[in-house]
PDB file of N, CA and C in Angstrom:
ATOM      1  N   MET A   1       0.859  -1.170   0.000  1.00  0.00           N
ATOM      2  CA  MET A   1       0.000   0.000   0.000  1.00  0.00           C
ATOM      3  C   MET A   1       0.899   1.224   0.000  1.00  0.00           C
ATOM      4  N   THR A   2       0.636   2.145  -0.893  1.00  0.00           N
ATOM      5  CA  THR A   2       1.364   3.408  -0.897  1.00  0.00           C
ATOM      6  C   THR A   2       0.372   4.537  -0.698  1.00  0.00           C
ATOM      7  N   GLU A   3       0.854   5.611  -0.084  1.00  0.00           N
ATOM      8  CA  GLU A   3       0.013   6.776   0.128  1.00  0.00           C
ATOM      9  C   GLU A   3       0.630   7.954  -0.598  1.00  0.00           C
ATOM     10  N   ASN A   4      -0.189   8.706  -1.300  1.00  0.00           N
ATOM     11  CA  ASN A   4       0.258   9.851  -2.063  1.00  0.00           C
ATOM     12  C   ASN A   4      -0.739  10.974  -1.830  1.00  0.00           C
ATOM     13  N   ASN A   5      -0.307  12.029  -1.099  1.00  0.00           N
ATOM     14  CA  ASN A   5      -1.220  13.137  -0.790  1.00  0.00           C
ATOM     15  C   ASN A   5      -2.504  12.631  -0.140  1.00  0.00           C
ATOM     16  N   ASP A   6      -2.380  11.764   0.824  1.00  0.00           N
ATOM     17  CA  ASP A   6      -3.503  11.175   1.555  1.00  0.00           C
ATOM     18  C   ASP A   6      -4.293  10.148   0.744  1.00  0.00           C
ATOM     19  N   ASP A   7      -3.919   9.919  -0.513  1.00  0.00           N
ATOM     20  CA  ASP A   7      -4.553   8.865  -1.309  1.00  0.00           C
ATOM     21  C   ASP A   7      -3.856   7.535  -1.011  1.00  0.00           C
ATOM     22  N   ILE A   8      -4.623   6.474  -1.015  1.00  0.00           N
ATOM     23  CA  ILE A   8      -4.085   5.126  -0.870  1.00  0.00           C
ATOM     24  C   ILE A   8      -4.081   4.501  -2.252  1.00  0.00           C
ATOM     25  N   ILE A   9      -2.945   3.953  -2.658  1.00  0.00           N
ATOM     26  CA  ILE A   9      -2.798   3.354  -3.980  1.00  0.00           C
ATOM     27  C   ILE A   9      -2.520   1.860  -3.789  1.00  0.00           C
ATOM     28  N   LEU A  10      -3.345   1.011  -4.417  1.00  0.00           N
ATOM     29  CA  LEU A  10      -3.170  -0.440  -4.321  1.00  0.00           C
ATOM     30  C   LEU A  10      -3.268  -1.059  -5.709  1.00  0.00           C
ATOM     31  N   GLN A  11      -2.651  -2.228  -5.852  1.00  0.00           N
ATOM     32  CA  GLN A  11      -2.651  -2.940  -7.121  1.00  0.00           C
ATOM     33  C   GLN A  11      -3.562  -4.172  -7.047  1.00  0.00           C
ATOM     34  N   VAL A  12      -3.860  -4.756  -8.203  1.00  0.00           N
ATOM     35  CA  VAL A  12      -4.720  -5.936  -8.299  1.00  0.00           C
ATOM     36  C   VAL A  12      -4.194  -7.030  -7.360  1.00  0.00           C
ATOM     37  N   GLY A  13      -5.106  -7.590  -6.564  1.00  0.00           N
ATOM     38  CA  GLY A  13      -4.768  -8.654  -5.630  1.00  0.00           C
ATOM     39  C   GLY A  13      -4.415  -8.166  -4.235  1.00  0.00           C
ATOM     40  N   ASP A  14      -4.082  -6.878  -4.092  1.00  0.00           N
ATOM     41  CA  ASP A  14      -3.811  -6.323  -2.768  1.00  0.00           C
ATOM     42  C   ASP A  14      -5.092  -6.340  -1.932  1.00  0.00           C
ATOM     43  N   VAL A  15      -4.932  -6.325  -0.632  1.00  0.00           N
ATOM     44  CA  VAL A  15      -6.070  -6.307   0.289  1.00  0.00           C
ATOM     45  C   VAL A  15      -6.160  -4.925   0.930  1.00  0.00           C
ATOM     46  N   LEU A  16      -7.270  -4.252   0.719  1.00  0.00           N
ATOM     47  CA  LEU A  16      -7.496  -2.933   1.326  1.00  0.00           C
ATOM     48  C   LEU A  16      -7.716  -3.087   2.827  1.00  0.00           C
ATOM     49  N   PHE A  17      -8.538  -4.058   3.218  1.00  0.00           N
ATOM     50  CA  PHE A  17      -8.704  -4.408   4.624  1.00  0.00           C
ATOM     51  C   PHE A  17      -9.187  -5.835   4.740  1.00  0.00           C
ATOM     52  N   ASP A  18      -8.888  -6.433   5.876  1.00  0.00           N
ATOM     53  CA  ASP A  18      -9.307  -7.792   6.210  1.00  0.00           C
ATOM     54  C   ASP A  18      -9.461  -7.817   7.718  1.00  0.00           C
ATOM     55  N   THR A  19     -10.676  -7.979   8.173  1.00  0.00           N
ATOM     56  CA  THR A  19     -10.916  -7.835   9.600  1.00  0.00           C
ATOM     57  C   THR A  19     -11.977  -8.808  10.092  1.00  0.00           C
ATOM     58  N   ASP A  20     -11.907  -9.127  11.357  1.00  0.00           N
ATOM     59  CA  ASP A  20     -12.979  -9.888  11.996  1.00  0.00           C
ATOM     60  C   ASP A  20     -13.618  -9.049  13.096  1.00  0.00           C
ATOM     61  N   LYS A  21     -13.327  -7.756  13.075  1.00  0.00           N
ATOM     62  CA  LYS A  21     -13.924  -6.821  14.026  1.00  0.00           C
ATOM     63  C   LYS A  21     -14.226  -5.520  13.282  1.00  0.00           C
ATOM     64  N   PRO A  22     -15.049  -4.662  13.861  1.00  0.00           N
ATOM     65  CA  PRO A  22     -15.384  -3.406  13.188  1.00  0.00           C
ATOM     66  C   PRO A  22     -14.137  -2.571  12.896  1.00  0.00           C
ATOM     67  N   LEU A  23     -14.142  -1.917  11.754  1.00  0.00           N
ATOM     68  CA  LEU A  23     -13.041  -1.048  11.357  1.00  0.00           C
ATOM     69  C   LEU A  23     -13.183   0.317  12.011  1.00  0.00           C
ATOM     70  N   ASP A  24     -12.070   1.021  12.126  1.00  0.00           N
ATOM     71  CA  ASP A  24     -12.138   2.403  12.586  1.00  0.00           C
ATOM     72  C   ASP A  24     -11.939   3.375  11.425  1.00  0.00           C
ATOM     73  N   THR A  25     -11.775   2.821  10.204  1.00  0.00           N
ATOM     74  CA  THR A  25     -11.574   3.627   9.003  1.00  0.00           C
ATOM     75  C   THR A  25     -12.439   3.097   7.872  1.00  0.00           C
ATOM     76  N   ALA A  26     -13.087   4.012   7.170  1.00  0.00           N
ATOM     77  CA  ALA A  26     -13.797   3.687   5.932  1.00  0.00           C
ATOM     78  C   ALA A  26     -12.957   4.244   4.785  1.00  0.00           C
ATOM     79  N   TYR A  27     -13.312   3.873   3.572  1.00  0.00           N
ATOM     80  CA  TYR A  27     -12.559   4.328   2.403  1.00  0.00           C
ATOM     81  C   TYR A  27     -13.527   4.802   1.334  1.00  0.00           C
ATOM     82  N   PHE A  28     -13.161   5.889   0.663  1.00  0.00           N
ATOM     83  CA  PHE A  28     -13.909   6.355  -0.494  1.00  0.00           C
ATOM     84  C   PHE A  28     -13.066   6.031  -1.716  1.00  0.00           C
ATOM     85  N   ILE A  29     -13.622   5.241  -2.621  1.00  0.00           N
ATOM     86  CA  ILE A  29     -12.889   4.803  -3.804  1.00  0.00           C
ATOM     87  C   ILE A  29     -12.939   5.907  -4.864  1.00  0.00           C
ATOM     88  N   LEU A  30     -11.772   6.378  -5.235  1.00  0.00           N
ATOM     89  CA  LEU A  30     -11.650   7.409  -6.267  1.00  0.00           C
ATOM     90  C   LEU A  30     -11.513   6.789  -7.649  1.00  0.00           C
ATOM     91  N   GLU A  31     -10.736   5.717  -7.744  1.00  0.00           N
ATOM     92  CA  GLU A  31     -10.517   5.000  -9.010  1.00  0.00           C
ATOM     93  C   GLU A  31     -10.347   3.521  -8.696  1.00  0.00           C
ATOM     94  N   GLY A  32     -10.759   2.672  -9.638  1.00  0.00           N
ATOM     95  CA  GLY A  32     -10.566   1.240  -9.485  1.00  0.00           C
ATOM     96  C   GLY A  32     -11.786   0.532  -8.943  1.00  0.00           C
ATOM     97  N   CYS A  33     -11.569  -0.707  -8.498  1.00  0.00           N
ATOM     98  CA  CYS A  33     -12.673  -1.558  -8.064  1.00  0.00           C
ATOM     99  C   CYS A  33     -12.153  -2.581  -7.070  1.00  0.00           C
ATOM    100  N   ILE A  34     -12.993  -2.917  -6.094  1.00  0.00           N
ATOM    101  CA  ILE A  34     -12.663  -3.970  -5.126  1.00  0.00           C
ATOM    102  C   ILE A  34     -13.791  -5.001  -5.092  1.00  0.00           C
ATOM    103  N   GLU A  35     -13.451  -6.189  -4.613  1.00  0.00           N
ATOM    104  CA  GLU A  35     -14.475  -7.179  -4.267  1.00  0.00           C
ATOM    105  C   GLU A  35     -14.598  -7.140  -2.758  1.00  0.00           C
ATOM    106  N   LEU A  36     -15.797  -6.868  -2.280  1.00  0.00           N
ATOM    107  CA  LEU A  36     -16.058  -6.847  -0.845  1.00  0.00           C
ATOM    108  C   LEU A  36     -16.714  -8.160  -0.458  1.00  0.00           C
ATOM    109  N   GLN A  37     -16.065  -8.879   0.442  1.00  0.00           N
ATOM    110  CA  GLN A  37     -16.625 -10.113   0.991  1.00  0.00           C
ATOM    111  C   GLN A  37     -16.999  -9.793   2.435  1.00  0.00           C
ATOM    112  N   LEU A  38     -18.286  -9.890   2.751  1.00  0.00           N
ATOM    113  CA  LEU A  38     -18.785  -9.502   4.065  1.00  0.00           C
ATOM    114  C   LEU A  38     -19.576 -10.651   4.668  1.00  0.00           C
ATOM    115  N   VAL A  39     -19.291 -10.948   5.925  1.00  0.00           N
ATOM    116  CA  VAL A  39     -20.041 -11.948   6.678  1.00  0.00           C
ATOM    117  C   VAL A  39     -20.613 -11.238   7.902  1.00  0.00           C
ATOM    118  N   LEU A  40     -21.942 -11.203   7.993  1.00  0.00           N
ATOM    119  CA  LEU A  40     -22.640 -10.581   9.112  1.00  0.00           C
ATOM    120  C   LEU A  40     -23.623 -11.613   9.639  1.00  0.00           C
ATOM    121  N   GLY A  41     -23.308 -12.155  10.792  1.00  0.00           N
ATOM    122  CA  GLY A  41     -24.129 -13.256  11.314  1.00  0.00           C
ATOM    123  C   GLY A  41     -24.046 -14.443  10.382  1.00  0.00           C
ATOM    124  N   GLU A  42     -25.192 -14.888   9.891  1.00  0.00           N
ATOM    125  CA  GLU A  42     -25.249 -16.027   8.964  1.00  0.00           C
ATOM    126  C   GLU A  42     -25.223 -15.602   7.497  1.00  0.00           C
ATOM    127  N   LYS A  43     -25.219 -14.304   7.248  1.00  0.00           N
ATOM    128  CA  LYS A  43     -25.252 -13.806   5.873  1.00  0.00           C
ATOM    129  C   LYS A  43     -23.849 -13.680   5.307  1.00  0.00           C
ATOM    130  N   HIS A  44     -23.672 -14.177   4.079  1.00  0.00           N
ATOM    131  CA  HIS A  44     -22.420 -14.055   3.337  1.00  0.00           C
ATOM    132  C   HIS A  44     -22.726 -13.265   2.069  1.00  0.00           C
ATOM    133  N   ILE A  45     -22.025 -12.153   1.897  1.00  0.00           N
ATOM    134  CA  ILE A  45     -22.278 -11.274   0.765  1.00  0.00           C
ATOM    135  C   ILE A  45     -20.967 -11.001   0.050  1.00  0.00           C
ATOM    136  N   SER A  46     -21.014 -10.997  -1.283  1.00  0.00           N
ATOM    137  CA  SER A  46     -19.855 -10.625  -2.085  1.00  0.00           C
ATOM    138  C   SER A  46     -20.314  -9.618  -3.129  1.00  0.00           C
ATOM    139  N   LEU A  47     -19.659  -8.467  -3.152  1.00  0.00           N
ATOM    140  CA  LEU A  47     -20.044  -7.384  -4.055  1.00  0.00           C
ATOM    141  C   LEU A  47     -18.815  -6.795  -4.722  1.00  0.00           C
ATOM    142  N   SER A  48     -18.992  -6.311  -5.937  1.00  0.00           N
ATOM    143  CA  SER A  48     -17.962  -5.507  -6.582  1.00  0.00           C
ATOM    144  C   SER A  48     -18.326  -4.051  -6.333  1.00  0.00           C
ATOM    145  N   ILE A  49     -17.351  -3.291  -5.846  1.00  0.00           N
ATOM    146  CA  ILE A  49     -17.589  -1.891  -5.543  1.00  0.00           C
ATOM    147  C   ILE A  49     -16.543  -1.060  -6.282  1.00  0.00           C
ATOM    148  N   ALA A  50     -17.027  -0.091  -7.066  1.00  0.00           N
ATOM    149  CA  ALA A  50     -16.152   0.701  -7.926  1.00  0.00           C
ATOM    150  C   ALA A  50     -16.088   2.153  -7.445  1.00  0.00           C
ATOM    151  N   ALA A  51     -15.501   2.988  -8.283  1.00  0.00           N
ATOM    152  CA  ALA A  51     -15.268   4.400  -7.969  1.00  0.00           C
ATOM    153  C   ALA A  51     -16.550   5.117  -7.539  1.00  0.00           C
ATOM    154  N   ASN A  52     -16.359   6.129  -6.718  1.00  0.00           N
ATOM    155  CA  ASN A  52     -17.421   6.989  -6.197  1.00  0.00           C
ATOM    156  C   ASN A  52     -18.315   6.282  -5.191  1.00  0.00           C
ATOM    157  N   ASN A  53     -17.745   5.310  -4.484  1.00  0.00           N
ATOM    158  CA  ASN A  53     -18.476   4.594  -3.443  1.00  0.00           C
ATOM    159  C   ASN A  53     -17.624   4.454  -2.195  1.00  0.00           C
ATOM    160  N   PHE A  54     -18.300   4.363  -1.059  1.00  0.00           N
ATOM    161  CA  PHE A  54     -17.638   4.090   0.212  1.00  0.00           C
ATOM    162  C   PHE A  54     -17.551   2.589   0.424  1.00  0.00           C
ATOM    163  N   VAL A  55     -16.533   2.167   1.142  1.00  0.00           N
ATOM    164  CA  VAL A  55     -16.387   0.776   1.558  1.00  0.00           C
ATOM    165  C   VAL A  55     -15.753   0.791   2.950  1.00  0.00           C
ATOM    166  N   GLY A  56     -16.123  -0.191   3.770  1.00  0.00           N
ATOM    167  CA  GLY A  56     -15.597  -0.241   5.128  1.00  0.00           C
ATOM    168  C   GLY A  56     -16.419   0.544   6.116  1.00  0.00           C
ATOM    169  N   ASP A  57     -17.556   1.074   5.657  1.00  0.00           N
ATOM    170  CA  ASP A  57     -18.400   1.890   6.521  1.00  0.00           C
ATOM    171  C   ASP A  57     -19.512   1.074   7.175  1.00  0.00           C
ATOM    172  N   ALA A  58     -19.414  -0.239   7.119  1.00  0.00           N
ATOM    173  CA  ALA A  58     -20.464  -1.097   7.693  1.00  0.00           C
ATOM    174  C   ALA A  58     -20.651  -0.846   9.179  1.00  0.00           C
ATOM    175  N   GLU A  59     -19.596  -0.457   9.887  1.00  0.00           N
ATOM    176  CA  GLU A  59     -19.720  -0.194  11.324  1.00  0.00           C
ATOM    177  C   GLU A  59     -20.754   0.890  11.588  1.00  0.00           C
ATOM    178  N   VAL A  60     -20.817   1.899  10.751  1.00  0.00           N
ATOM    179  CA  VAL A  60     -21.802   2.983  10.934  1.00  0.00           C
ATOM    180  C   VAL A  60     -23.204   2.425  10.784  1.00  0.00           C
ATOM    181  N   VAL A  61     -23.447   1.648   9.737  1.00  0.00           N
ATOM    182  CA  VAL A  61     -24.771   1.103   9.466  1.00  0.00           C
ATOM    183  C   VAL A  61     -25.153   0.059  10.504  1.00  0.00           C
ATOM    184  N   VAL A  62     -24.225  -0.839  10.828  1.00  0.00           N
ATOM    185  CA  VAL A  62     -24.513  -1.899  11.810  1.00  0.00           C
ATOM    186  C   VAL A  62     -24.848  -1.282  13.161  1.00  0.00           C
ATOM    187  N   ALA A  63     -24.085  -0.298  13.602  1.00  0.00           N
ATOM    188  CA  ALA A  63     -24.359   0.346  14.888  1.00  0.00           C
ATOM    189  C   ALA A  63     -25.700   1.070  14.846  1.00  0.00           C
ATOM    190  N   GLN A  64     -26.022   1.723  13.730  1.00  0.00           N
ATOM    191  CA  GLN A  64     -27.293   2.442  13.586  1.00  0.00           C
ATOM    192  C   GLN A  64     -28.465   1.470  13.666  1.00  0.00           C
ATOM    193  N   LYS A  65     -28.328   0.295  13.032  1.00  0.00           N
ATOM    194  CA  LYS A  65     -29.420  -0.675  13.009  1.00  0.00           C
ATOM    195  C   LYS A  65     -29.625  -1.335  14.365  1.00  0.00           C
ATOM    196  N   ASN A  66     -28.616  -1.314  15.208  1.00  0.00           N
ATOM    197  CA  ASN A  66     -28.692  -2.018  16.481  1.00  0.00           C
ATOM    198  C   ASN A  66     -28.589  -1.069  17.669  1.00  0.00           C
ATOM    199  N   ASN A  67     -29.126   0.144  17.504  1.00  0.00           N
ATOM    200  CA  ASN A  67     -29.162   1.140  18.574  1.00  0.00           C
ATOM    201  C   ASN A  67     -27.801   1.360  19.229  1.00  0.00           C
ATOM    202  N   GLY A  68     -26.772   1.464  18.403  1.00  0.00           N
ATOM    203  CA  GLY A  68     -25.431   1.740  18.898  1.00  0.00           C
ATOM    204  C   GLY A  68     -24.632   0.517  19.280  1.00  0.00           C
ATOM    205  N   GLU A  69     -25.269  -0.635  19.341  1.00  0.00           N
ATOM    206  CA  GLU A  69     -24.561  -1.870  19.682  1.00  0.00           C
ATOM    207  C   GLU A  69     -23.936  -2.467  18.430  1.00  0.00           C
ATOM    208  N   SER A  70     -22.661  -2.805  18.491  1.00  0.00           N
ATOM    209  CA  SER A  70     -21.985  -3.401  17.340  1.00  0.00           C
ATOM    210  C   SER A  70     -22.217  -4.899  17.289  1.00  0.00           C
ATOM    211  N   LEU A  71     -22.443  -5.401  16.086  1.00  0.00           N
ATOM    212  CA  LEU A  71     -22.497  -6.834  15.860  1.00  0.00           C
ATOM    213  C   LEU A  71     -21.135  -7.274  15.336  1.00  0.00           C
ATOM    214  N   LYS A  72     -20.787  -8.502  15.598  1.00  0.00           N
ATOM    215  CA  LYS A  72     -19.540  -9.035  15.064  1.00  0.00           C
ATOM    216  C   LYS A  72     -19.735  -9.294  13.572  1.00  0.00           C
ATOM    217  N   TYR A  73     -18.800  -8.828  12.785  1.00  0.00           N
ATOM    218  CA  TYR A  73     -18.837  -9.106  11.360  1.00  0.00           C
ATOM    219  C   TYR A  73     -17.416  -9.229  10.840  1.00  0.00           C
ATOM    220  N   GLN A  74     -17.290  -9.839   9.685  1.00  0.00           N
ATOM    221  CA  GLN A  74     -16.003  -9.973   9.020  1.00  0.00           C
ATOM    222  C   GLN A  74     -16.107  -9.322   7.659  1.00  0.00           C
ATOM    223  N   GLY A  75     -15.101  -8.584   7.300  1.00  0.00           N
ATOM    224  CA  GLY A  75     -15.084  -7.958   5.986  1.00  0.00           C
ATOM    225  C   GLY A  75     -13.702  -8.046   5.383  1.00  0.00           C
ATOM    226  N   LYS A  76     -13.672  -8.279   4.096  1.00  0.00           N
ATOM    227  CA  LYS A  76     -12.404  -8.326   3.376  1.00  0.00           C
ATOM    228  C   LYS A  76     -12.613  -7.639   2.036  1.00  0.00           C
ATOM    229  N   ALA A  77     -11.712  -6.722   1.705  1.00  0.00           N
ATOM    230  CA  ALA A  77     -11.797  -5.979   0.447  1.00  0.00           C
ATOM    231  C   ALA A  77     -10.537  -6.270  -0.363  1.00  0.00           C
ATOM    232  N   ILE A  78     -10.728  -6.924  -1.505  1.00  0.00           N
ATOM    233  CA  ILE A  78      -9.624  -7.321  -2.374  1.00  0.00           C
ATOM    234  C   ILE A  78      -9.687  -6.482  -3.651  1.00  0.00           C
ATOM    235  N   VAL A  79      -8.562  -5.924  -4.047  1.00  0.00           N
ATOM    236  CA  VAL A  79      -8.508  -5.050  -5.214  1.00  0.00           C
ATOM    237  C   VAL A  79      -8.651  -5.865  -6.500  1.00  0.00           C
ATOM    238  N   LEU A  80      -9.647  -5.483  -7.332  1.00  0.00           N
ATOM    239  CA  LEU A  80      -9.881  -6.122  -8.630  1.00  0.00           C
ATOM    240  C   LEU A  80      -9.273  -5.334  -9.779  1.00  0.00           C
ATOM    241  N   GLU A  81      -9.206  -4.008  -9.622  1.00  0.00           N
ATOM    242  CA  GLU A  81      -8.603  -3.098 -10.601  1.00  0.00           C
ATOM    243  C   GLU A  81      -7.738  -2.124  -9.814  1.00  0.00           C
ATOM    244  N   PRO A  82      -6.621  -1.634 -10.392  1.00  0.00           N
ATOM    245  CA  PRO A  82      -5.772  -0.684  -9.653  1.00  0.00           C
ATOM    246  C   PRO A  82      -6.633   0.360  -8.937  1.00  0.00           C
ATOM    247  N   LEU A  83      -6.320   0.570  -7.668  1.00  0.00           N
ATOM    248  CA  LEU A  83      -7.195   1.332  -6.777  1.00  0.00           C
ATOM    249  C   LEU A  83      -6.524   2.589  -6.261  1.00  0.00           C
ATOM    250  N   ARG A  84      -7.289   3.671  -6.238  1.00  0.00           N
ATOM    251  CA  ARG A  84      -6.900   4.898  -5.546  1.00  0.00           C
ATOM    252  C   ARG A  84      -8.081   5.251  -4.646  1.00  0.00           C
ATOM    253  N   ALA A  85      -7.815   5.391  -3.353  1.00  0.00           N
ATOM    254  CA  ALA A  85      -8.879   5.639  -2.378  1.00  0.00           C
ATOM    255  C   ALA A  85      -8.400   6.633  -1.327  1.00  0.00           C
ATOM    256  N   VAL A  86      -9.347   7.157  -0.571  1.00  0.00           N
ATOM    257  CA  VAL A  86      -9.063   8.065   0.540  1.00  0.00           C
ATOM    258  C   VAL A  86      -9.614   7.426   1.809  1.00  0.00           C
ATOM    259  N   ALA A  87      -8.809   7.429   2.871  1.00  0.00           N
ATOM    260  CA  ALA A  87      -9.244   6.895   4.165  1.00  0.00           C
ATOM    261  C   ALA A  87     -10.016   7.966   4.929  1.00  0.00           C
ATOM    262  N   ILE A  88     -11.139   7.554   5.552  1.00  0.00           N
ATOM    263  CA  ILE A  88     -11.980   8.470   6.329  1.00  0.00           C
ATOM    264  C   ILE A  88     -12.278   7.795   7.674  1.00  0.00           C
ATOM    265  N   PRO A  89     -11.845   8.405   8.784  1.00  0.00           N
ATOM    266  CA  PRO A  89     -12.118   7.797  10.094  1.00  0.00           C
ATOM    267  C   PRO A  89     -13.626   7.631  10.341  1.00  0.00           C
ATOM    268  N   ILE A  90     -14.012   6.460  10.818  1.00  0.00           N
ATOM    269  CA  ILE A  90     -15.417   6.179  11.150  1.00  0.00           C
ATOM    270  C   ILE A  90     -15.935   7.206  12.161  1.00  0.00           C
ATOM    271  N   ALA A  91     -15.104   7.595  13.109  1.00  0.00           N
ATOM    272  CA  ALA A  91     -15.526   8.583  14.113  1.00  0.00           C
ATOM    273  C   ALA A  91     -15.953   9.890  13.448  1.00  0.00           C
ATOM    274  N   ASP A  92     -15.276  10.284  12.371  1.00  0.00           N
ATOM    275  CA  ASP A  92     -15.658  11.505  11.647  1.00  0.00           C
ATOM    276  C   ASP A  92     -17.041  11.346  11.010  1.00  0.00           C
ATOM    277  N   ILE A  93     -17.302  10.160  10.435  1.00  0.00           N
ATOM    278  CA  ILE A  93     -18.610   9.901   9.821  1.00  0.00           C
ATOM    279  C   ILE A  93     -19.704   9.950  10.891  1.00  0.00           C
ATOM    280  N   GLN A  94     -19.457   9.304  12.023  1.00  0.00           N
ATOM    281  CA  GLN A  94     -20.447   9.289  13.096  1.00  0.00           C
ATOM    282  C   GLN A  94     -20.703  10.693  13.648  1.00  0.00           C
ATOM    283  N   ARG A  95     -19.647  11.509  13.763  1.00  0.00           N
ATOM    284  CA  ARG A  95     -19.813  12.896  14.218  1.00  0.00           C
ATOM    285  C   ARG A  95     -20.675  13.694  13.240  1.00  0.00           C
ATOM    286  N   GLU A  96     -20.449  13.489  11.953  1.00  0.00           N
ATOM    287  CA  GLU A  96     -21.245  14.195  10.943  1.00  0.00           C
ATOM    288  C   GLU A  96     -22.719  13.801  11.036  1.00  0.00           C
ATOM    289  N   ILE A  97     -22.979  12.516  11.226  1.00  0.00           N
ATOM    290  CA  ILE A  97     -24.364  12.051  11.358  1.00  0.00           C
ATOM    291  C   ILE A  97     -25.018  12.670  12.586  1.00  0.00           C
ATOM    292  N   GLU A  98     -24.299  12.711  13.693  1.00  0.00           N
ATOM    293  CA  GLU A  98     -24.854  13.276  14.928  1.00  0.00           C
ATOM    294  C   GLU A  98     -25.146  14.767  14.806  1.00  0.00           C
ATOM    295  N   SER A  99     -24.389  15.461  13.957  1.00  0.00           N
ATOM    296  CA  SER A  99     -24.589  16.907  13.824  1.00  0.00           C
ATOM    297  C   SER A  99     -25.651  17.264  12.776  1.00  0.00           C
ATOM    298  N   CYS A 100     -26.220  16.258  12.125  1.00  0.00           N
ATOM    299  CA  CYS A 100     -27.243  16.493  11.102  1.00  0.00           C
ATOM    300  C   CYS A 100     -28.550  16.972  11.730  1.00  0.00           C
ATOM    301  N   SER A 101     -29.383  17.545  10.891  1.00  0.00           N
ATOM    302  CA  SER A 101     -30.712  17.963  11.331  1.00  0.00           C
ATOM    303  C   SER A 101     -31.540  16.721  11.673  1.00  0.00           C
ATOM    304  N   PRO A 102     -32.584  16.875  12.466  1.00  0.00           N
ATOM    305  CA  PRO A 102     -33.458  15.738  12.789  1.00  0.00           C
ATOM    306  C   PRO A 102     -34.029  15.057  11.540  1.00  0.00           C
ATOM    307  N   LEU A 103     -34.332  15.827  10.513  1.00  0.00           N
ATOM    308  CA  LEU A 103     -34.864  15.253   9.275  1.00  0.00           C
ATOM    309  C   LEU A 103     -33.847  14.315   8.629  1.00  0.00           C
ATOM    310  N   LEU A 104     -32.603  14.757   8.505  1.00  0.00           N
ATOM    311  CA  LEU A 104     -31.576  13.898   7.905  1.00  0.00           C
ATOM    312  C   LEU A 104     -31.285  12.677   8.762  1.00  0.00           C
ATOM    313  N   LYS A 105     -31.305  12.850  10.094  1.00  0.00           N
ATOM    314  CA  LYS A 105     -31.115  11.701  10.985  1.00  0.00           C
ATOM    315  C   LYS A 105     -32.232  10.676  10.782  1.00  0.00           C
ATOM    316  N   ALA A 106     -33.473  11.148  10.640  1.00  0.00           N
ATOM    317  CA  ALA A 106     -34.609  10.245  10.418  1.00  0.00           C
ATOM    318  C   ALA A 106     -34.468   9.527   9.081  1.00  0.00           C
ATOM    319  N   TRP A 107     -34.050  10.259   8.042  1.00  0.00           N
ATOM    320  CA  TRP A 107     -33.847   9.640   6.732  1.00  0.00           C
ATOM    321  C   TRP A 107     -32.773   8.568   6.822  1.00  0.00           C
ATOM    322  N   PHE A 108     -31.665   8.875   7.473  1.00  0.00           N
ATOM    323  CA  PHE A 108     -30.575   7.910   7.602  1.00  0.00           C
ATOM    324  C   PHE A 108     -31.042   6.677   8.373  1.00  0.00           C
ATOM    325  N   ALA A 109     -31.778   6.876   9.465  1.00  0.00           N
ATOM    326  CA  ALA A 109     -32.282   5.752  10.249  1.00  0.00           C
ATOM    327  C   ALA A 109     -33.222   4.887   9.410  1.00  0.00           C
ATOM    328  N   SER A 110     -34.079   5.524   8.605  1.00  0.00           N
ATOM    329  CA  SER A 110     -34.991   4.787   7.738  1.00  0.00           C
ATOM    330  C   SER A 110     -34.218   3.993   6.694  1.00  0.00           C
ATOM    331  N   PHE A 111     -33.225   4.627   6.101  1.00  0.00           N
ATOM    332  CA  PHE A 111     -32.418   3.992   5.058  1.00  0.00           C
ATOM    333  C   PHE A 111     -31.656   2.787   5.609  1.00  0.00           C
ATOM    334  N   THR A 112     -31.049   2.929   6.775  1.00  0.00           N
ATOM    335  CA  THR A 112     -30.233   1.850   7.334  1.00  0.00           C
ATOM    336  C   THR A 112     -31.062   0.736   7.963  1.00  0.00           C
ATOM    337  N   SER A 113     -32.339   0.988   8.218  1.00  0.00           N
ATOM    338  CA  SER A 113     -33.162  -0.057   8.847  1.00  0.00           C
ATOM    339  C   SER A 113     -33.699  -1.050   7.817  1.00  0.00           C
ATOM    340  N   ARG A 114     -33.494  -0.799   6.542  1.00  0.00           N
ATOM    341  CA  ARG A 114     -34.006  -1.688   5.487  1.00  0.00           C
ATOM    342  C   ARG A 114     -33.194  -2.948   5.375  1.00  0.00           C
TER     343      ARG A 114
END
């Protein structure tokens, strides 16, 4: 992994993250594509995620769906195409959500409860 002006640069086959616990960092993909393998409880999900999307932000959604309680999950992000991404601390995302208007908080809660 190389960093250039706060960008993270990875090549095909590199692992952006591999965890069996919630991450403290999410990533916004600027260029490239990853395969996200996620296990949450009994659910196994595999998705391709490309540019202009967040990845690693499941902790925000999982905590929102469970009234702040974290569920154990495993996530692994493998680079499928050369990747350029920006790291964003989960705490920053949570602070932004908390500072939102009640309307936006309600929308987010509705969206994440699906």
